[in-house]
Amino acid sequence: ARAAPRRTAVIDGERAISYEELDEGSNQVARTLQELGIG
């Protein structure tokens, strides 16, 4: 995400996300789990 933030990381049919978007989304999931006391 730091080296190539705009490069495509995942393709799902017609949808795709960049490394930056994947990193941001994973941080949101991690924060949600942390808020639930899960780590």
PDB file of all heavy atoms in Angstrom:
ATOM      1  N   ALA A   1       0.829  -1.209   0.000  1.00  0.00           N
ATOM      2  CA  ALA A   1       0.000   0.000   0.000  1.00  0.00           C
ATOM      3  C   ALA A   1       0.860   1.255   0.000  1.00  0.00           C
ATOM      4  O   ALA A   1       0.491   2.259  -0.610  1.00  0.00           O
ATOM      5  CB  ALA A   1      -0.945  -0.004   1.198  1.00  0.00           C
ATOM      6  N   ARG A   2       2.004   1.194   0.662  1.00  0.00           N
ATOM      7  CA  ARG A   2       2.919   2.342   0.653  1.00  0.00           C
ATOM      8  C   ARG A   2       3.655   2.460  -0.688  1.00  0.00           C
ATOM      9  O   ARG A   2       3.824   3.547  -1.218  1.00  0.00           O
ATOM     10  CB  ARG A   2       3.942   2.213   1.779  1.00  0.00           C
ATOM     11  CG  ARG A   2       3.461   2.738   3.113  1.00  0.00           C
ATOM     12  CD  ARG A   2       4.603   2.877   4.100  1.00  0.00           C
ATOM     13  NE  ARG A   2       5.110   1.595   4.565  1.00  0.00           N
ATOM     14  CZ  ARG A   2       4.583   0.884   5.562  1.00  0.00           C
ATOM     15  NH1 ARG A   2       3.524   1.340   6.195  1.00  0.00           N
ATOM     16  NH2 ARG A   2       5.091  -0.259   5.924  1.00  0.00           N
ATOM     17  N   ALA A   3       4.101   1.333  -1.231  1.00  0.00           N
ATOM     18  CA  ALA A   3       4.905   1.337  -2.454  1.00  0.00           C
ATOM     19  C   ALA A   3       4.075   1.600  -3.713  1.00  0.00           C
ATOM     20  O   ALA A   3       4.542   2.274  -4.636  1.00  0.00           O
ATOM     21  CB  ALA A   3       5.645   0.009  -2.597  1.00  0.00           C
ATOM     22  N   ALA A   4       2.886   1.034  -3.776  1.00  0.00           N
ATOM     23  CA  ALA A   4       2.055   1.153  -4.984  1.00  0.00           C
ATOM     24  C   ALA A   4       0.584   1.266  -4.596  1.00  0.00           C
ATOM     25  O   ALA A   4      -0.212   0.370  -4.858  1.00  0.00           O
ATOM     26  CB  ALA A   4       2.276  -0.056  -5.885  1.00  0.00           C
ATOM     27  N   PRO A   5       0.199   2.372  -3.956  1.00  0.00           N
ATOM     28  CA  PRO A   5      -1.157   2.479  -3.412  1.00  0.00           C
ATOM     29  C   PRO A   5      -2.280   2.330  -4.440  1.00  0.00           C
ATOM     30  O   PRO A   5      -3.330   1.780  -4.124  1.00  0.00           O
ATOM     31  CB  PRO A   5      -1.184   3.864  -2.770  1.00  0.00           C
ATOM     32  CG  PRO A   5      -0.041   4.613  -3.351  1.00  0.00           C
ATOM     33  CD  PRO A   5       0.973   3.585  -3.754  1.00  0.00           C
ATOM     34  N   ARG A   6      -2.051   2.780  -5.654  1.00  0.00           N
ATOM     35  CA  ARG A   6      -3.120   2.759  -6.668  1.00  0.00           C
ATOM     36  C   ARG A   6      -3.133   1.473  -7.496  1.00  0.00           C
ATOM     37  O   ARG A   6      -4.051   1.240  -8.266  1.00  0.00           O
ATOM     38  CB  ARG A   6      -2.983   3.949  -7.603  1.00  0.00           C
ATOM     39  CG  ARG A   6      -2.990   5.292  -6.907  1.00  0.00           C
ATOM     40  CD  ARG A   6      -4.400   5.739  -6.529  1.00  0.00           C
ATOM     41  NE  ARG A   6      -4.390   7.084  -5.975  1.00  0.00           N
ATOM     42  CZ  ARG A   6      -4.504   7.354  -4.681  1.00  0.00           C
ATOM     43  NH1 ARG A   6      -4.625   6.385  -3.817  1.00  0.00           N
ATOM     44  NH2 ARG A   6      -4.487   8.598  -4.242  1.00  0.00           N
ATOM     45  N   ARG A   7      -2.138   0.633  -7.331  1.00  0.00           N
ATOM     46  CA  ARG A   7      -2.071  -0.612  -8.100  1.00  0.00           C
ATOM     47  C   ARG A   7      -3.194  -1.555  -7.645  1.00  0.00           C
ATOM     48  O   ARG A   7      -3.518  -1.636  -6.478  1.00  0.00           O
ATOM     49  CB  ARG A   7      -0.721  -1.281  -7.921  1.00  0.00           C
ATOM     50  CG  ARG A   7      -0.579  -2.510  -8.831  1.00  0.00           C
ATOM     51  CD  ARG A   7       0.793  -3.073  -8.831  1.00  0.00           C
ATOM     52  NE  ARG A   7       1.667  -2.149  -9.560  1.00  0.00           N
ATOM     53  CZ  ARG A   7       2.969  -2.117  -9.425  1.00  0.00           C
ATOM     54  NH1 ARG A   7       3.582  -2.926  -8.603  1.00  0.00           N
ATOM     55  NH2 ARG A   7       3.687  -1.266 -10.113  1.00  0.00           N
ATOM     56  N   THR A   8      -3.767  -2.278  -8.591  1.00  0.00           N
ATOM     57  CA  THR A   8      -4.864  -3.195  -8.287  1.00  0.00           C
ATOM     58  C   THR A   8      -4.365  -4.352  -7.433  1.00  0.00           C
ATOM     59  O   THR A   8      -3.394  -5.024  -7.774  1.00  0.00           O
ATOM     60  CB  THR A   8      -5.489  -3.742  -9.583  1.00  0.00           C
ATOM     61  OG1 THR A   8      -5.981  -2.628 -10.346  1.00  0.00           O
ATOM     62  CG2 THR A   8      -6.634  -4.687  -9.289  1.00  0.00           C
ATOM     63  N   ALA A   9      -5.063  -4.587  -6.324  1.00  0.00           N
ATOM     64  CA  ALA A   9      -4.697  -5.660  -5.394  1.00  0.00           C
ATOM     65  C   ALA A   9      -5.598  -6.877  -5.576  1.00  0.00           C
ATOM     66  O   ALA A   9      -5.131  -8.015  -5.531  1.00  0.00           O
ATOM     67  CB  ALA A   9      -4.786  -5.168  -3.959  1.00  0.00           C
ATOM     68  N   VAL A  10      -6.901  -6.639  -5.767  1.00  0.00           N
ATOM     69  CA  VAL A  10      -7.867  -7.735  -5.853  1.00  0.00           C
ATOM     70  C   VAL A  10      -8.888  -7.405  -6.924  1.00  0.00           C
ATOM     71  O   VAL A  10      -9.386  -6.274  -6.990  1.00  0.00           O
ATOM     72  CB  VAL A  10      -8.601  -7.955  -4.504  1.00  0.00           C
ATOM     73  CG1 VAL A  10      -9.578  -9.120  -4.592  1.00  0.00           C
ATOM     74  CG2 VAL A  10      -7.624  -8.178  -3.370  1.00  0.00           C
ATOM     75  N   ILE A  11      -9.203  -8.412  -7.735  1.00  0.00           N
ATOM     76  CA  ILE A  11     -10.259  -8.283  -8.741  1.00  0.00           C
ATOM     77  C   ILE A  11     -11.316  -9.337  -8.437  1.00  0.00           C
ATOM     78  O   ILE A  11     -10.999 -10.504  -8.219  1.00  0.00           O
ATOM     79  CB  ILE A  11      -9.709  -8.484 -10.168  1.00  0.00           C
ATOM     80  CG1 ILE A  11      -8.651  -7.437 -10.481  1.00  0.00           C
ATOM     81  CG2 ILE A  11     -10.848  -8.461 -11.190  1.00  0.00           C
ATOM     82  CD1 ILE A  11      -7.919  -7.668 -11.787  1.00  0.00           C
ATOM     83  N   ASP A  12     -12.575  -8.894  -8.420  1.00  0.00           N
ATOM     84  CA  ASP A  12     -13.712  -9.777  -8.172  1.00  0.00           C
ATOM     85  C   ASP A  12     -14.752  -9.489  -9.249  1.00  0.00           C
ATOM     86  O   ASP A  12     -15.564  -8.574  -9.096  1.00  0.00           O
ATOM     87  CB  ASP A  12     -14.273  -9.512  -6.765  1.00  0.00           C
ATOM     88  CG  ASP A  12     -15.522 -10.328  -6.466  1.00  0.00           C
ATOM     89  OD1 ASP A  12     -15.820 -11.280  -7.195  1.00  0.00           O
ATOM     90  OD2 ASP A  12     -16.203  -9.991  -5.470  1.00  0.00           O
ATOM     91  N   GLY A  13     -14.679 -10.239 -10.334  1.00  0.00           N
ATOM     92  CA  GLY A  13     -15.602  -9.991 -11.442  1.00  0.00           C
ATOM     93  C   GLY A  13     -15.359  -8.616 -12.018  1.00  0.00           C
ATOM     94  O   GLY A  13     -14.271  -8.303 -12.493  1.00  0.00           O
ATOM     95  N   GLU A  14     -16.369  -7.750 -11.938  1.00  0.00           N
ATOM     96  CA  GLU A  14     -16.275  -6.384 -12.449  1.00  0.00           C
ATOM     97  C   GLU A  14     -15.720  -5.419 -11.405  1.00  0.00           C
ATOM     98  O   GLU A  14     -15.436  -4.271 -11.720  1.00  0.00           O
ATOM     99  CB  GLU A  14     -17.661  -5.899 -12.901  1.00  0.00           C
ATOM    100  CG  GLU A  14     -18.271  -6.711 -14.032  1.00  0.00           C
ATOM    101  CD  GLU A  14     -17.476  -6.567 -15.326  1.00  0.00           C
ATOM    102  OE1 GLU A  14     -17.071  -5.438 -15.658  1.00  0.00           O
ATOM    103  OE2 GLU A  14     -17.255  -7.596 -15.989  1.00  0.00           O
ATOM    104  N   ARG A  15     -15.588  -5.873 -10.190  1.00  0.00           N
ATOM    105  CA  ARG A  15     -15.110  -4.999  -9.108  1.00  0.00           C
ATOM    106  C   ARG A  15     -13.613  -5.213  -8.876  1.00  0.00           C
ATOM    107  O   ARG A  15     -13.109  -6.313  -9.036  1.00  0.00           O
ATOM    108  CB  ARG A  15     -15.858  -5.283  -7.797  1.00  0.00           C
ATOM    109  CG  ARG A  15     -17.353  -5.127  -7.921  1.00  0.00           C
ATOM    110  CD  ARG A  15     -18.068  -5.319  -6.594  1.00  0.00           C
ATOM    111  NE  ARG A  15     -17.727  -6.577  -5.934  1.00  0.00           N
ATOM    112  CZ  ARG A  15     -17.828  -6.782  -4.625  1.00  0.00           C
ATOM    113  NH1 ARG A  15     -18.252  -5.823  -3.824  1.00  0.00           N
ATOM    114  NH2 ARG A  15     -17.523  -7.961  -4.112  1.00  0.00           N
ATOM    115  N   ALA A  16     -12.952  -4.141  -8.470  1.00  0.00           N
ATOM    116  CA  ALA A  16     -11.517  -4.220  -8.147  1.00  0.00           C
ATOM    117  C   ALA A  16     -11.212  -3.207  -7.059  1.00  0.00           C
ATOM    118  O   ALA A  16     -11.895  -2.183  -6.939  1.00  0.00           O
ATOM    119  CB  ALA A  16     -10.677  -3.939  -9.381  1.00  0.00           C
ATOM    120  N   ILE A  17     -10.194  -3.502  -6.246  1.00  0.00           N
ATOM    121  CA  ILE A  17      -9.733  -2.544  -5.253  1.00  0.00           C
ATOM    122  C   ILE A  17      -8.210  -2.460  -5.305  1.00  0.00           C
ATOM    123  O   ILE A  17      -7.536  -3.411  -5.675  1.00  0.00           O
ATOM    124  CB  ILE A  17     -10.200  -2.868  -3.814  1.00  0.00           C
ATOM    125  CG1 ILE A  17      -9.752  -4.257  -3.366  1.00  0.00           C
ATOM    126  CG2 ILE A  17     -11.691  -2.706  -3.676  1.00  0.00           C
ATOM    127  CD1 ILE A  17     -10.057  -4.552  -1.908  1.00  0.00           C
ATOM    128  N   SER A  18      -7.714  -1.298  -4.928  1.00  0.00           N
ATOM    129  CA  SER A  18      -6.269  -1.057  -4.918  1.00  0.00           C
ATOM    130  C   SER A  18      -5.682  -1.554  -3.602  1.00  0.00           C
ATOM    131  O   SER A  18      -6.397  -1.875  -2.652  1.00  0.00           O
ATOM    132  CB  SER A  18      -6.002   0.442  -5.075  1.00  0.00           C
ATOM    133  OG  SER A  18      -6.464   1.125  -3.913  1.00  0.00           O
ATOM    134  N   TYR A  19      -4.342  -1.569  -3.550  1.00  0.00           N
ATOM    135  CA  TYR A  19      -3.665  -1.929  -2.303  1.00  0.00           C
ATOM    136  C   TYR A  19      -4.033  -0.952  -1.188  1.00  0.00           C
ATOM    137  O   TYR A  19      -4.221  -1.347  -0.043  1.00  0.00           O
ATOM    138  CB  TYR A  19      -2.149  -1.969  -2.496  1.00  0.00           C
ATOM    139  CG  TYR A  19      -1.697  -3.222  -3.190  1.00  0.00           C
ATOM    140  CD1 TYR A  19      -1.306  -3.208  -4.522  1.00  0.00           C
ATOM    141  CD2 TYR A  19      -1.674  -4.438  -2.513  1.00  0.00           C
ATOM    142  CE1 TYR A  19      -0.895  -4.369  -5.163  1.00  0.00           C
ATOM    143  CE2 TYR A  19      -1.267  -5.604  -3.136  1.00  0.00           C
ATOM    144  CZ  TYR A  19      -0.891  -5.553  -4.469  1.00  0.00           C
ATOM    145  OH  TYR A  19      -0.496  -6.713  -5.091  1.00  0.00           O
ATOM    146  N   GLU A  20      -4.139   0.318  -1.527  1.00  0.00           N
ATOM    147  CA  GLU A  20      -4.506   1.322  -0.532  1.00  0.00           C
ATOM    148  C   GLU A  20      -5.913   1.049   0.017  1.00  0.00           C
ATOM    149  O   GLU A  20      -6.133   1.092   1.234  1.00  0.00           O
ATOM    150  CB  GLU A  20      -4.439   2.715  -1.148  1.00  0.00           C
ATOM    151  CG  GLU A  20      -4.796   3.834  -0.188  1.00  0.00           C
ATOM    152  CD  GLU A  20      -4.653   5.183  -0.861  1.00  0.00           C
ATOM    153  OE1 GLU A  20      -5.236   5.388  -1.956  1.00  0.00           O
ATOM    154  OE2 GLU A  20      -3.943   6.031  -0.287  1.00  0.00           O
ATOM    155  N   GLU A  21      -6.863   0.762  -0.858  1.00  0.00           N
ATOM    156  CA  GLU A  21      -8.235   0.472  -0.427  1.00  0.00           C
ATOM    157  C   GLU A  21      -8.300  -0.808   0.397  1.00  0.00           C
ATOM    158  O   GLU A  21      -9.034  -0.877   1.395  1.00  0.00           O
ATOM    159  CB  GLU A  21      -9.161   0.363  -1.640  1.00  0.00           C
ATOM    160  CG  GLU A  21      -9.367   1.675  -2.360  1.00  0.00           C
ATOM    161  CD  GLU A  21     -10.013   1.506  -3.723  1.00  0.00           C
ATOM    162  OE1 GLU A  21      -9.690   0.524  -4.437  1.00  0.00           O
ATOM    163  OE2 GLU A  21     -10.857   2.358  -4.068  1.00  0.00           O
ATOM    164  N   LEU A  22      -7.539  -1.809   0.002  1.00  0.00           N
ATOM    165  CA  LEU A  22      -7.500  -3.057   0.752  1.00  0.00           C
ATOM    166  C   LEU A  22      -6.909  -2.824   2.141  1.00  0.00           C
ATOM    167  O   LEU A  22      -7.438  -3.316   3.145  1.00  0.00           O
ATOM    168  CB  LEU A  22      -6.693  -4.107  -0.010  1.00  0.00           C
ATOM    169  CG  LEU A  22      -6.516  -5.473   0.652  1.00  0.00           C
ATOM    170  CD1 LEU A  22      -7.850  -6.110   1.014  1.00  0.00           C
ATOM    171  CD2 LEU A  22      -5.715  -6.393  -0.267  1.00  0.00           C
ATOM    172  N   ASP A  23      -5.847  -2.053   2.221  1.00  0.00           N
ATOM    173  CA  ASP A  23      -5.222  -1.730   3.502  1.00  0.00           C
ATOM    174  C   ASP A  23      -6.193  -0.958   4.394  1.00  0.00           C
ATOM    175  O   ASP A  23      -6.362  -1.277   5.578  1.00  0.00           O
ATOM    176  CB  ASP A  23      -3.943  -0.929   3.263  1.00  0.00           C
ATOM    177  CG  ASP A  23      -3.170  -0.651   4.529  1.00  0.00           C
ATOM    178  OD1 ASP A  23      -2.993  -1.575   5.345  1.00  0.00           O
ATOM    179  OD2 ASP A  23      -2.728   0.506   4.703  1.00  0.00           O
ATOM    180  N   GLU A  24      -6.851   0.041   3.834  1.00  0.00           N
ATOM    181  CA  GLU A  24      -7.801   0.838   4.619  1.00  0.00           C
ATOM    182  C   GLU A  24      -8.972  -0.015   5.110  1.00  0.00           C
ATOM    183  O   GLU A  24      -9.372   0.064   6.275  1.00  0.00           O
ATOM    184  CB  GLU A  24      -8.321   2.017   3.788  1.00  0.00           C
ATOM    185  CG  GLU A  24      -7.279   3.075   3.540  1.00  0.00           C
ATOM    186  CD  GLU A  24      -7.723   4.177   2.603  1.00  0.00           C
ATOM    187  OE1 GLU A  24      -8.802   4.064   1.969  1.00  0.00           O
ATOM    188  OE2 GLU A  24      -6.978   5.169   2.505  1.00  0.00           O
ATOM    189  N   GLY A  25      -9.517  -0.852   4.231  1.00  0.00           N
ATOM    190  CA  GLY A  25     -10.626  -1.719   4.616  1.00  0.00           C
ATOM    191  C   GLY A  25     -10.230  -2.713   5.695  1.00  0.00           C
ATOM    192  O   GLY A  25     -10.990  -2.964   6.639  1.00  0.00           O
ATOM    193  N   SER A  26      -9.029  -3.268   5.579  1.00  0.00           N
ATOM    194  CA  SER A  26      -8.591  -4.226   6.592  1.00  0.00           C
ATOM    195  C   SER A  26      -8.398  -3.540   7.937  1.00  0.00           C
ATOM    196  O   SER A  26      -8.693  -4.119   8.985  1.00  0.00           O
ATOM    197  CB  SER A  26      -7.311  -4.944   6.148  1.00  0.00           C
ATOM    198  OG  SER A  26      -6.216  -4.076   6.129  1.00  0.00           O
ATOM    199  N   ASN A  27      -7.948  -2.287   7.923  1.00  0.00           N
ATOM    200  CA  ASN A  27      -7.824  -1.543   9.178  1.00  0.00           C
ATOM    201  C   ASN A  27      -9.192  -1.277   9.803  1.00  0.00           C
ATOM    202  O   ASN A  27      -9.339  -1.309  11.028  1.00  0.00           O
ATOM    203  CB  ASN A  27      -7.072  -0.231   8.948  1.00  0.00           C
ATOM    204  CG  ASN A  27      -5.608  -0.459   8.657  1.00  0.00           C
ATOM    205  OD1 ASN A  27      -4.983  -1.351   9.222  1.00  0.00           O
ATOM    206  ND2 ASN A  27      -5.057   0.334   7.759  1.00  0.00           N
ATOM    207  N   GLN A  28     -10.196  -1.037   8.974  1.00  0.00           N
ATOM    208  CA  GLN A  28     -11.553  -0.833   9.497  1.00  0.00           C
ATOM    209  C   GLN A  28     -12.090  -2.116  10.147  1.00  0.00           C
ATOM    210  O   GLN A  28     -12.708  -2.066  11.213  1.00  0.00           O
ATOM    211  CB  GLN A  28     -12.482  -0.364   8.374  1.00  0.00           C
ATOM    212  CG  GLN A  28     -12.165   1.045   7.918  1.00  0.00           C
ATOM    213  CD  GLN A  28     -12.934   1.451   6.680  1.00  0.00           C
ATOM    214  OE1 GLN A  28     -13.093   0.666   5.738  1.00  0.00           O
ATOM    215  NE2 GLN A  28     -13.433   2.681   6.671  1.00  0.00           N
ATOM    216  N   VAL A  29     -11.851  -3.244   9.527  1.00  0.00           N
ATOM    217  CA  VAL A  29     -12.280  -4.520  10.120  1.00  0.00           C
ATOM    218  C   VAL A  29     -11.525  -4.754  11.425  1.00  0.00           C
ATOM    219  O   VAL A  29     -12.126  -5.128  12.446  1.00  0.00           O
ATOM    220  CB  VAL A  29     -12.076  -5.697   9.139  1.00  0.00           C
ATOM    221  CG1 VAL A  29     -12.313  -7.036   9.828  1.00  0.00           C
ATOM    222  CG2 VAL A  29     -12.994  -5.554   7.934  1.00  0.00           C
ATOM    223  N   ALA A  30     -10.221  -4.518  11.419  1.00  0.00           N
ATOM    224  CA  ALA A  30      -9.416  -4.707  12.627  1.00  0.00           C
ATOM    225  C   ALA A  30      -9.903  -3.806  13.758  1.00  0.00           C
ATOM    226  O   ALA A  30     -10.015  -4.242  14.912  1.00  0.00           O
ATOM    227  CB  ALA A  30      -7.939  -4.441  12.325  1.00  0.00           C
ATOM    228  N   ARG A  31     -10.204  -2.560  13.456  1.00  0.00           N
ATOM    229  CA  ARG A  31     -10.721  -1.635  14.478  1.00  0.00           C
ATOM    230  C   ARG A  31     -12.067  -2.097  15.021  1.00  0.00           C
ATOM    231  O   ARG A  31     -12.323  -1.998  16.221  1.00  0.00           O
ATOM    232  CB  ARG A  31     -10.863  -0.229  13.914  1.00  0.00           C
ATOM    233  CG  ARG A  31      -9.550   0.437  13.715  1.00  0.00           C
ATOM    234  CD  ARG A  31      -9.692   1.933  13.596  1.00  0.00           C
ATOM    235  NE  ARG A  31      -8.361   2.485  13.588  1.00  0.00           N
ATOM    236  CZ  ARG A  31      -7.603   2.661  14.649  1.00  0.00           C
ATOM    237  NH1 ARG A  31      -8.056   2.320  15.823  1.00  0.00           N
ATOM    238  NH2 ARG A  31      -6.395   3.161  14.554  1.00  0.00           N
ATOM    239  N   THR A  32     -12.914  -2.592  14.143  1.00  0.00           N
ATOM    240  CA  THR A  32     -14.215  -3.097  14.581  1.00  0.00           C
ATOM    241  C   THR A  32     -14.032  -4.258  15.545  1.00  0.00           C
ATOM    242  O   THR A  32     -14.667  -4.307  16.602  1.00  0.00           O
ATOM    243  CB  THR A  32     -15.059  -3.543  13.367  1.00  0.00           C
ATOM    244  OG1 THR A  32     -15.236  -2.417  12.492  1.00  0.00           O
ATOM    245  CG2 THR A  32     -16.410  -4.068  13.803  1.00  0.00           C
ATOM    246  N   LEU A  33     -13.161  -5.182  15.187  1.00  0.00           N
ATOM    247  CA  LEU A  33     -12.893  -6.321  16.073  1.00  0.00           C
ATOM    248  C   LEU A  33     -12.325  -5.834  17.396  1.00  0.00           C
ATOM    249  O   LEU A  33     -12.727  -6.303  18.470  1.00  0.00           O
ATOM    250  CB  LEU A  33     -11.948  -7.311  15.397  1.00  0.00           C
ATOM    251  CG  LEU A  33     -12.514  -8.026  14.163  1.00  0.00           C
ATOM    252  CD1 LEU A  33     -11.432  -8.844  13.473  1.00  0.00           C
ATOM    253  CD2 LEU A  33     -13.705  -8.889  14.529  1.00  0.00           C
ATOM    254  N   GLN A  34     -11.413  -4.885  17.344  1.00  0.00           N
ATOM    255  CA  GLN A  34     -10.819  -4.333  18.563  1.00  0.00           C
ATOM    256  C   GLN A  34     -11.895  -3.709  19.451  1.00  0.00           C
ATOM    257  O   GLN A  34     -11.894  -3.904  20.664  1.00  0.00           O
ATOM    258  CB  GLN A  34      -9.758  -3.305  18.181  1.00  0.00           C
ATOM    259  CG  GLN A  34      -8.967  -2.768  19.349  1.00  0.00           C
ATOM    260  CD  GLN A  34      -7.945  -1.740  18.893  1.00  0.00           C
ATOM    261  OE1 GLN A  34      -8.276  -0.803  18.164  1.00  0.00           O
ATOM    262  NE2 GLN A  34      -6.703  -1.918  19.315  1.00  0.00           N
ATOM    263  N   GLU A  35     -12.827  -2.971  18.856  1.00  0.00           N
ATOM    264  CA  GLU A  35     -13.928  -2.360  19.614  1.00  0.00           C
ATOM    265  C   GLU A  35     -14.797  -3.414  20.299  1.00  0.00           C
ATOM    266  O   GLU A  35     -15.389  -3.146  21.343  1.00  0.00           O
ATOM    267  CB  GLU A  35     -14.793  -1.498  18.695  1.00  0.00           C
ATOM    268  CG  GLU A  35     -14.120  -0.223  18.247  1.00  0.00           C
ATOM    269  CD  GLU A  35     -14.889   0.485  17.142  1.00  0.00           C
ATOM    270  OE1 GLU A  35     -16.059   0.131  16.884  1.00  0.00           O
ATOM    271  OE2 GLU A  35     -14.323   1.417  16.535  1.00  0.00           O
ATOM    272  N   LEU A  36     -14.874  -4.599  19.701  1.00  0.00           N
ATOM    273  CA  LEU A  36     -15.650  -5.696  20.284  1.00  0.00           C
ATOM    274  C   LEU A  36     -14.834  -6.474  21.324  1.00  0.00           C
ATOM    275  O   LEU A  36     -15.306  -7.464  21.870  1.00  0.00           O
ATOM    276  CB  LEU A  36     -16.121  -6.649  19.178  1.00  0.00           C
ATOM    277  CG  LEU A  36     -17.157  -6.086  18.213  1.00  0.00           C
ATOM    278  CD1 LEU A  36     -17.340  -7.020  17.008  1.00  0.00           C
ATOM    279  CD2 LEU A  36     -18.479  -5.859  18.920  1.00  0.00           C
ATOM    280  N   GLY A  37     -13.600  -6.041  21.562  1.00  0.00           N
ATOM    281  CA  GLY A  37     -12.741  -6.726  22.525  1.00  0.00           C
ATOM    282  C   GLY A  37     -12.077  -7.963  21.952  1.00  0.00           C
ATOM    283  O   GLY A  37     -11.660  -8.857  22.676  1.00  0.00           O
ATOM    284  N   ILE A  38     -11.949  -8.001  20.638  1.00  0.00           N
ATOM    285  CA  ILE A  38     -11.383  -9.160  19.950  1.00  0.00           C
ATOM    286  C   ILE A  38     -10.029  -8.774  19.371  1.00  0.00           C
ATOM    287  O   ILE A  38      -9.916  -7.788  18.649  1.00  0.00           O
ATOM    288  CB  ILE A  38     -12.333  -9.632  18.828  1.00  0.00           C
ATOM    289  CG1 ILE A  38     -13.667 -10.059  19.434  1.00  0.00           C
ATOM    290  CG2 ILE A  38     -11.700 -10.748  18.007  1.00  0.00           C
ATOM    291  CD1 ILE A  38     -14.783 -10.194  18.438  1.00  0.00           C
ATOM    292  N   GLY A  39      -9.022  -9.566  19.720  1.00  0.00           N
ATOM    293  CA  GLY A  39      -7.682  -9.263  19.235  1.00  0.00           C
ATOM    294  C   GLY A  39      -6.808 -10.490  19.261  1.00  0.00           C
ATOM    295  O   GLY A  39      -7.246 -11.589  18.910  1.00  0.00           O
TER     296      GLY A  39
END
